[in-house]
Amino acid sequence: MHYLSPEAIFLFGGPTAAGEYIFKPTKENMEKHLLPFFKNKIKILPSKLKPGDAAIVGASALVWKEIEK
């Protein structure tokens, strides 16, 4: 978080179906370990990708990175 300074972190997969049971403790633990400058600025959101798309998007990003080298 401190290095990339993202606006949001997106979670994906079966556990996100638990809603606040997963998002609330994740957010609380993240906030506990953030530098004061970042507190309450980074969102944790569920991904809107279709179930089969996340793996393909992630794999294609890795391939693209290798091609650019």
PDB file of N, CA and C in Angstrom:
ATOM      1  N   MET A   1       0.814  -1.183   0.000  1.00  0.00           N
ATOM      2  CA  MET A   1       0.000   0.000   0.000  1.00  0.00           C
ATOM      3  C   MET A   1       0.866   1.259   0.000  1.00  0.00           C
ATOM      4  N   HIS A   2       1.866   1.241   0.853  1.00  0.00           N
ATOM      5  CA  HIS A   2       2.693   2.434   0.997  1.00  0.00           C
ATOM      6  C   HIS A   2       3.518   2.716  -0.253  1.00  0.00           C
ATOM      7  N   TYR A   3       3.884   1.684  -0.962  1.00  0.00           N
ATOM      8  CA  TYR A   3       4.728   1.859  -2.140  1.00  0.00           C
ATOM      9  C   TYR A   3       3.920   2.265  -3.373  1.00  0.00           C
ATOM     10  N   LEU A   4       2.773   1.598  -3.592  1.00  0.00           N
ATOM     11  CA  LEU A   4       1.980   1.855  -4.802  1.00  0.00           C
ATOM     12  C   LEU A   4       0.892   2.906  -4.618  1.00  0.00           C
ATOM     13  N   SER A   5       0.463   3.135  -3.402  1.00  0.00           N
ATOM     14  CA  SER A   5      -0.570   4.116  -3.104  1.00  0.00           C
ATOM     15  C   SER A   5      -1.836   3.932  -3.947  1.00  0.00           C
ATOM     16  N   PRO A   6      -2.452   2.748  -3.877  1.00  0.00           N
ATOM     17  CA  PRO A   6      -3.656   2.510  -4.687  1.00  0.00           C
ATOM     18  C   PRO A   6      -4.870   3.247  -4.131  1.00  0.00           C
ATOM     19  N   GLU A   7      -5.812   3.524  -5.006  1.00  0.00           N
ATOM     20  CA  GLU A   7      -7.073   4.129  -4.567  1.00  0.00           C
ATOM     21  C   GLU A   7      -7.988   3.059  -3.987  1.00  0.00           C
ATOM     22  N   ALA A   8      -7.888   1.838  -4.534  1.00  0.00           N
ATOM     23  CA  ALA A   8      -8.732   0.746  -4.072  1.00  0.00           C
ATOM     24  C   ALA A   8      -8.032  -0.593  -4.275  1.00  0.00           C
ATOM     25  N   ILE A   9      -8.439  -1.566  -3.463  1.00  0.00           N
ATOM     26  CA  ILE A   9      -8.011  -2.952  -3.591  1.00  0.00           C
ATOM     27  C   ILE A   9      -9.278  -3.743  -3.898  1.00  0.00           C
ATOM     28  N   PHE A  10      -9.210  -4.578  -4.926  1.00  0.00           N
ATOM     29  CA  PHE A  10     -10.367  -5.371  -5.319  1.00  0.00           C
ATOM     30  C   PHE A  10     -10.167  -6.821  -4.920  1.00  0.00           C
ATOM     31  N   LEU A  11     -11.134  -7.377  -4.215  1.00  0.00           N
ATOM     32  CA  LEU A  11     -11.107  -8.782  -3.840  1.00  0.00           C
ATOM     33  C   LEU A  11     -12.013  -9.555  -4.785  1.00  0.00           C
ATOM     34  N   PHE A  12     -11.639 -10.813  -5.048  1.00  0.00           N
ATOM     35  CA  PHE A  12     -12.385 -11.625  -5.982  1.00  0.00           C
ATOM     36  C   PHE A  12     -12.467 -13.052  -5.462  1.00  0.00           C
ATOM     37  N   GLY A  13     -13.503 -13.747  -5.858  1.00  0.00           N
ATOM     38  CA  GLY A  13     -13.616 -15.165  -5.551  1.00  0.00           C
ATOM     39  C   GLY A  13     -14.715 -15.469  -4.554  1.00  0.00           C
ATOM     40  N   GLY A  14     -14.813 -16.737  -4.236  1.00  0.00           N
ATOM     41  CA  GLY A  14     -15.862 -17.227  -3.345  1.00  0.00           C
ATOM     42  C   GLY A  14     -15.967 -16.526  -2.012  1.00  0.00           C
ATOM     43  N   PRO A  15     -14.856 -16.273  -1.339  1.00  0.00           N
ATOM     44  CA  PRO A  15     -14.951 -15.630  -0.025  1.00  0.00           C
ATOM     45  C   PRO A  15     -15.640 -14.266  -0.039  1.00  0.00           C
ATOM     46  N   THR A  16     -15.606 -13.562  -1.174  1.00  0.00           N
ATOM     47  CA  THR A  16     -16.249 -12.240  -1.209  1.00  0.00           C
ATOM     48  C   THR A  16     -17.761 -12.342  -1.074  1.00  0.00           C
ATOM     49  N   ALA A  17     -18.304 -13.543  -1.312  1.00  0.00           N
ATOM     50  CA  ALA A  17     -19.744 -13.742  -1.129  1.00  0.00           C
ATOM     51  C   ALA A  17     -20.131 -13.588   0.345  1.00  0.00           C
ATOM     52  N   ALA A  18     -19.159 -13.674   1.237  1.00  0.00           N
ATOM     53  CA  ALA A  18     -19.425 -13.499   2.668  1.00  0.00           C
ATOM     54  C   ALA A  18     -19.679 -12.036   3.017  1.00  0.00           C
ATOM     55  N   GLY A  19     -19.476 -11.147   2.060  1.00  0.00           N
ATOM     56  CA  GLY A  19     -19.774  -9.722   2.268  1.00  0.00           C
ATOM     57  C   GLY A  19     -18.973  -9.118   3.402  1.00  0.00           C
ATOM     58  N   GLU A  20     -19.664  -8.481   4.320  1.00  0.00           N
ATOM     59  CA  GLU A  20     -19.014  -7.769   5.422  1.00  0.00           C
ATOM     60  C   GLU A  20     -18.243  -8.694   6.359  1.00  0.00           C
ATOM     61  N   TYR A  21     -18.564  -9.991   6.352  1.00  0.00           N
ATOM     62  CA  TYR A  21     -17.804 -10.925   7.191  1.00  0.00           C
ATOM     63  C   TYR A  21     -16.352 -11.027   6.736  1.00  0.00           C
ATOM     64  N   ILE A  22     -16.092 -10.745   5.487  1.00  0.00           N
ATOM     65  CA  ILE A  22     -14.710 -10.760   4.974  1.00  0.00           C
ATOM     66  C   ILE A  22     -14.169  -9.337   4.803  1.00  0.00           C
ATOM     67  N   PHE A  23     -15.020  -8.420   4.331  1.00  0.00           N
ATOM     68  CA  PHE A  23     -14.544  -7.067   4.035  1.00  0.00           C
ATOM     69  C   PHE A  23     -14.254  -6.253   5.302  1.00  0.00           C
ATOM     70  N   LYS A  24     -15.091  -6.374   6.306  1.00  0.00           N
ATOM     71  CA  LYS A  24     -14.895  -5.581   7.526  1.00  0.00           C
ATOM     72  C   LYS A  24     -13.591  -5.933   8.242  1.00  0.00           C
ATOM     73  N   PRO A  25     -13.312  -7.224   8.541  1.00  0.00           N
ATOM     74  CA  PRO A  25     -12.040  -7.513   9.211  1.00  0.00           C
ATOM     75  C   PRO A  25     -10.820  -7.218   8.333  1.00  0.00           C
ATOM     76  N   THR A  26     -10.972  -7.400   7.031  1.00  0.00           N
ATOM     77  CA  THR A  26      -9.866  -7.088   6.130  1.00  0.00           C
ATOM     78  C   THR A  26      -9.545  -5.601   6.193  1.00  0.00           C
ATOM     79  N   LYS A  27     -10.564  -4.773   6.128  1.00  0.00           N
ATOM     80  CA  LYS A  27     -10.380  -3.317   6.196  1.00  0.00           C
ATOM     81  C   LYS A  27      -9.786  -2.900   7.547  1.00  0.00           C
ATOM     82  N   GLU A  28     -10.315  -3.476   8.630  1.00  0.00           N
ATOM     83  CA  GLU A  28      -9.821  -3.127   9.964  1.00  0.00           C
ATOM     84  C   GLU A  28      -8.340  -3.461  10.118  1.00  0.00           C
ATOM     85  N   ASN A  29      -7.939  -4.637   9.658  1.00  0.00           N
ATOM     86  CA  ASN A  29      -6.532  -5.034   9.766  1.00  0.00           C
ATOM     87  C   ASN A  29      -5.640  -4.202   8.861  1.00  0.00           C
ATOM     88  N   MET A  30      -6.118  -3.899   7.680  1.00  0.00           N
ATOM     89  CA  MET A  30      -5.340  -3.057   6.778  1.00  0.00           C
ATOM     90  C   MET A  30      -5.118  -1.687   7.420  1.00  0.00           C
ATOM     91  N   GLU A  31      -6.181  -1.082   7.928  1.00  0.00           N
ATOM     92  CA  GLU A  31      -6.088   0.250   8.538  1.00  0.00           C
ATOM     93  C   GLU A  31      -5.134   0.253   9.732  1.00  0.00           C
ATOM     94  N   LYS A  32      -5.120  -0.837  10.480  1.00  0.00           N
ATOM     95  CA  LYS A  32      -4.268  -0.934  11.663  1.00  0.00           C
ATOM     96  C   LYS A  32      -2.785  -0.850  11.297  1.00  0.00           C
ATOM     97  N   HIS A  33      -2.433  -1.292  10.093  1.00  0.00           N
ATOM     98  CA  HIS A  33      -1.032  -1.348   9.703  1.00  0.00           C
ATOM     99  C   HIS A  33      -0.613  -0.262   8.711  1.00  0.00           C
ATOM    100  N   LEU A  34      -1.510   0.620   8.349  1.00  0.00           N
ATOM    101  CA  LEU A  34      -1.178   1.690   7.408  1.00  0.00           C
ATOM    102  C   LEU A  34      -0.505   2.864   8.107  1.00  0.00           C
ATOM    103  N   LEU A  35       0.330   3.576   7.361  1.00  0.00           N
ATOM    104  CA  LEU A  35       0.870   4.835   7.867  1.00  0.00           C
ATOM    105  C   LEU A  35      -0.280   5.830   8.004  1.00  0.00           C
ATOM    106  N   PRO A  36      -0.207   6.746   8.944  1.00  0.00           N
ATOM    107  CA  PRO A  36      -1.305   7.693   9.162  1.00  0.00           C
ATOM    108  C   PRO A  36      -1.765   8.427   7.902  1.00  0.00           C
ATOM    109  N   PHE A  37      -0.865   8.739   7.006  1.00  0.00           N
ATOM    110  CA  PHE A  37      -1.230   9.453   5.783  1.00  0.00           C
ATOM    111  C   PHE A  37      -2.242   8.672   4.938  1.00  0.00           C
ATOM    112  N   PHE A  38      -2.183   7.337   4.963  1.00  0.00           N
ATOM    113  CA  PHE A  38      -3.042   6.497   4.124  1.00  0.00           C
ATOM    114  C   PHE A  38      -4.341   6.064   4.807  1.00  0.00           C
ATOM    115  N   LYS A  39      -4.438   6.280   6.112  1.00  0.00           N
ATOM    116  CA  LYS A  39      -5.621   5.792   6.834  1.00  0.00           C
ATOM    117  C   LYS A  39      -6.912   6.378   6.262  1.00  0.00           C
ATOM    118  N   ASN A  40      -7.891   5.506   6.096  1.00  0.00           N
ATOM    119  CA  ASN A  40      -9.232   5.844   5.587  1.00  0.00           C
ATOM    120  C   ASN A  40      -9.219   6.404   4.167  1.00  0.00           C
ATOM    121  N   LYS A  41      -8.189   6.096   3.390  1.00  0.00           N
ATOM    122  CA  LYS A  41      -8.116   6.579   2.017  1.00  0.00           C
ATOM    123  C   LYS A  41      -8.170   5.456   0.985  1.00  0.00           C
ATOM    124  N   ILE A  42      -7.903   4.219   1.399  1.00  0.00           N
ATOM    125  CA  ILE A  42      -7.865   3.097   0.458  1.00  0.00           C
ATOM    126  C   ILE A  42      -9.110   2.248   0.654  1.00  0.00           C
ATOM    127  N   LYS A  43      -9.854   2.066  -0.420  1.00  0.00           N
ATOM    128  CA  LYS A  43     -11.091   1.285  -0.366  1.00  0.00           C
ATOM    129  C   LYS A  43     -10.795  -0.189  -0.629  1.00  0.00           C
ATOM    130  N   ILE A  44     -11.603  -1.054  -0.047  1.00  0.00           N
ATOM    131  CA  ILE A  44     -11.564  -2.478  -0.364  1.00  0.00           C
ATOM    132  C   ILE A  44     -12.930  -2.807  -0.952  1.00  0.00           C
ATOM    133  N   LEU A  45     -12.924  -3.231  -2.214  1.00  0.00           N
ATOM    134  CA  LEU A  45     -14.165  -3.433  -2.956  1.00  0.00           C
ATOM    135  C   LEU A  45     -14.231  -4.822  -3.571  1.00  0.00           C
ATOM    136  N   PRO A  46     -15.451  -5.334  -3.781  1.00  0.00           N
ATOM    137  CA  PRO A  46     -15.572  -6.599  -4.499  1.00  0.00           C
ATOM    138  C   PRO A  46     -15.373  -6.363  -5.998  1.00  0.00           C
ATOM    139  N   SER A  47     -14.718  -7.298  -6.657  1.00  0.00           N
ATOM    140  CA  SER A  47     -14.519  -7.191  -8.099  1.00  0.00           C
ATOM    141  C   SER A  47     -15.848  -7.407  -8.818  1.00  0.00           C
ATOM    142  N   LYS A  48     -16.026  -6.731  -9.926  1.00  0.00           N
ATOM    143  CA  LYS A  48     -17.238  -6.899 -10.729  1.00  0.00           C
ATOM    144  C   LYS A  48     -16.988  -7.821 -11.924  1.00  0.00           C
ATOM    145  N   LEU A  49     -15.798  -8.448 -11.975  1.00  0.00           N
ATOM    146  CA  LEU A  49     -15.497  -9.374 -13.056  1.00  0.00           C
ATOM    147  C   LEU A  49     -16.344 -10.633 -12.936  1.00  0.00           C
ATOM    148  N   LYS A  50     -16.640 -11.242 -14.071  1.00  0.00           N
ATOM    149  CA  LYS A  50     -17.338 -12.523 -14.077  1.00  0.00           C
ATOM    150  C   LYS A  50     -16.392 -13.569 -13.483  1.00  0.00           C
ATOM    151  N   PRO A  51     -16.937 -14.630 -12.874  1.00  0.00           N
ATOM    152  CA  PRO A  51     -16.090 -15.617 -12.193  1.00  0.00           C
ATOM    153  C   PRO A  51     -14.923 -16.157 -13.026  1.00  0.00           C
ATOM    154  N   GLY A  52     -15.084 -16.399 -14.305  1.00  0.00           N
ATOM    155  CA  GLY A  52     -14.004 -16.951 -15.101  1.00  0.00           C
ATOM    156  C   GLY A  52     -13.023 -15.916 -15.629  1.00  0.00           C
ATOM    157  N   ASP A  53     -13.333 -14.648 -15.493  1.00  0.00           N
ATOM    158  CA  ASP A  53     -12.512 -13.602 -16.113  1.00  0.00           C
ATOM    159  C   ASP A  53     -11.284 -13.186 -15.309  1.00  0.00           C
ATOM    160  N   ALA A  54     -11.334 -13.301 -14.006  1.00  0.00           N
ATOM    161  CA  ALA A  54     -10.228 -12.806 -13.181  1.00  0.00           C
ATOM    162  C   ALA A  54      -8.922 -13.540 -13.481  1.00  0.00           C
ATOM    163  N   ALA A  55      -8.985 -14.849 -13.606  1.00  0.00           N
ATOM    164  CA  ALA A  55      -7.766 -15.619 -13.882  1.00  0.00           C
ATOM    165  C   ALA A  55      -7.197 -15.243 -15.240  1.00  0.00           C
ATOM    166  N   ILE A  56      -8.049 -15.034 -16.214  1.00  0.00           N
ATOM    167  CA  ILE A  56      -7.586 -14.684 -17.565  1.00  0.00           C
ATOM    168  C   ILE A  56      -6.972 -13.283 -17.566  1.00  0.00           C
ATOM    169  N   VAL A  57      -7.598 -12.357 -16.882  1.00  0.00           N
ATOM    170  CA  VAL A  57      -7.068 -10.988 -16.826  1.00  0.00           C
ATOM    171  C   VAL A  57      -5.703 -10.993 -16.127  1.00  0.00           C
ATOM    172  N   GLY A  58      -5.593 -11.729 -15.019  1.00  0.00           N
ATOM    173  CA  GLY A  58      -4.321 -11.795 -14.297  1.00  0.00           C
ATOM    174  C   GLY A  58      -3.223 -12.441 -15.124  1.00  0.00           C
ATOM    175  N   ALA A  59      -3.548 -13.547 -15.789  1.00  0.00           N
ATOM    176  CA  ALA A  59      -2.559 -14.237 -16.616  1.00  0.00           C
ATOM    177  C   ALA A  59      -2.135 -13.375 -17.798  1.00  0.00           C
ATOM    178  N   SER A  60      -3.074 -12.690 -18.414  1.00  0.00           N
ATOM    179  CA  SER A  60      -2.717 -11.852 -19.564  1.00  0.00           C
ATOM    180  C   SER A  60      -1.857 -10.666 -19.133  1.00  0.00           C
ATOM    181  N   ALA A  61      -2.081 -10.162 -17.935  1.00  0.00           N
ATOM    182  CA  ALA A  61      -1.244  -9.066 -17.431  1.00  0.00           C
ATOM    183  C   ALA A  61       0.194  -9.533 -17.253  1.00  0.00           C
ATOM    184  N   LEU A  62       0.374 -10.767 -16.787  1.00  0.00           N
ATOM    185  CA  LEU A  62       1.730 -11.298 -16.622  1.00  0.00           C
ATOM    186  C   LEU A  62       2.411 -11.493 -17.974  1.00  0.00           C
ATOM    187  N   VAL A  63       1.667 -11.978 -18.959  1.00  0.00           N
ATOM    188  CA  VAL A  63       2.225 -12.167 -20.299  1.00  0.00           C
ATOM    189  C   VAL A  63       2.624 -10.823 -20.880  1.00  0.00           C
ATOM    190  N   TRP A  64       1.764  -9.825 -20.749  1.00  0.00           N
ATOM    191  CA  TRP A  64       2.039  -8.489 -21.285  1.00  0.00           C
ATOM    192  C   TRP A  64       3.312  -7.925 -20.665  1.00  0.00           C
ATOM    193  N   LYS A  65       3.466  -8.127 -19.374  1.00  0.00           N
ATOM    194  CA  LYS A  65       4.650  -7.628 -18.676  1.00  0.00           C
ATOM    195  C   LYS A  65       5.911  -8.281 -19.244  1.00  0.00           C
ATOM    196  N   GLU A  66       5.854  -9.577 -19.516  1.00  0.00           N
ATOM    197  CA  GLU A  66       7.006 -10.282 -20.075  1.00  0.00           C
ATOM    198  C   GLU A  66       7.322  -9.804 -21.491  1.00  0.00           C
ATOM    199  N   ILE A  67       6.296  -9.495 -22.271  1.00  0.00           N
ATOM    200  CA  ILE A  67       6.502  -9.037 -23.647  1.00  0.00           C
ATOM    201  C   ILE A  67       7.214  -7.684 -23.659  1.00  0.00           C
ATOM    202  N   GLU A  68       6.891  -6.824 -22.707  1.00  0.00           N
ATOM    203  CA  GLU A  68       7.491  -5.487 -22.661  1.00  0.00           C
ATOM    204  C   GLU A  68       8.964  -5.500 -22.284  1.00  0.00           C
ATOM    205  N   LYS A  69       9.448  -6.571 -21.681  1.00  0.00           N
ATOM    206  CA  LYS A  69      10.858  -6.624 -21.233  1.00  0.00           C
ATOM    207  C   LYS A  69      11.818  -6.623 -22.357  1.00  0.00           C
TER     208      LYS A  69
END
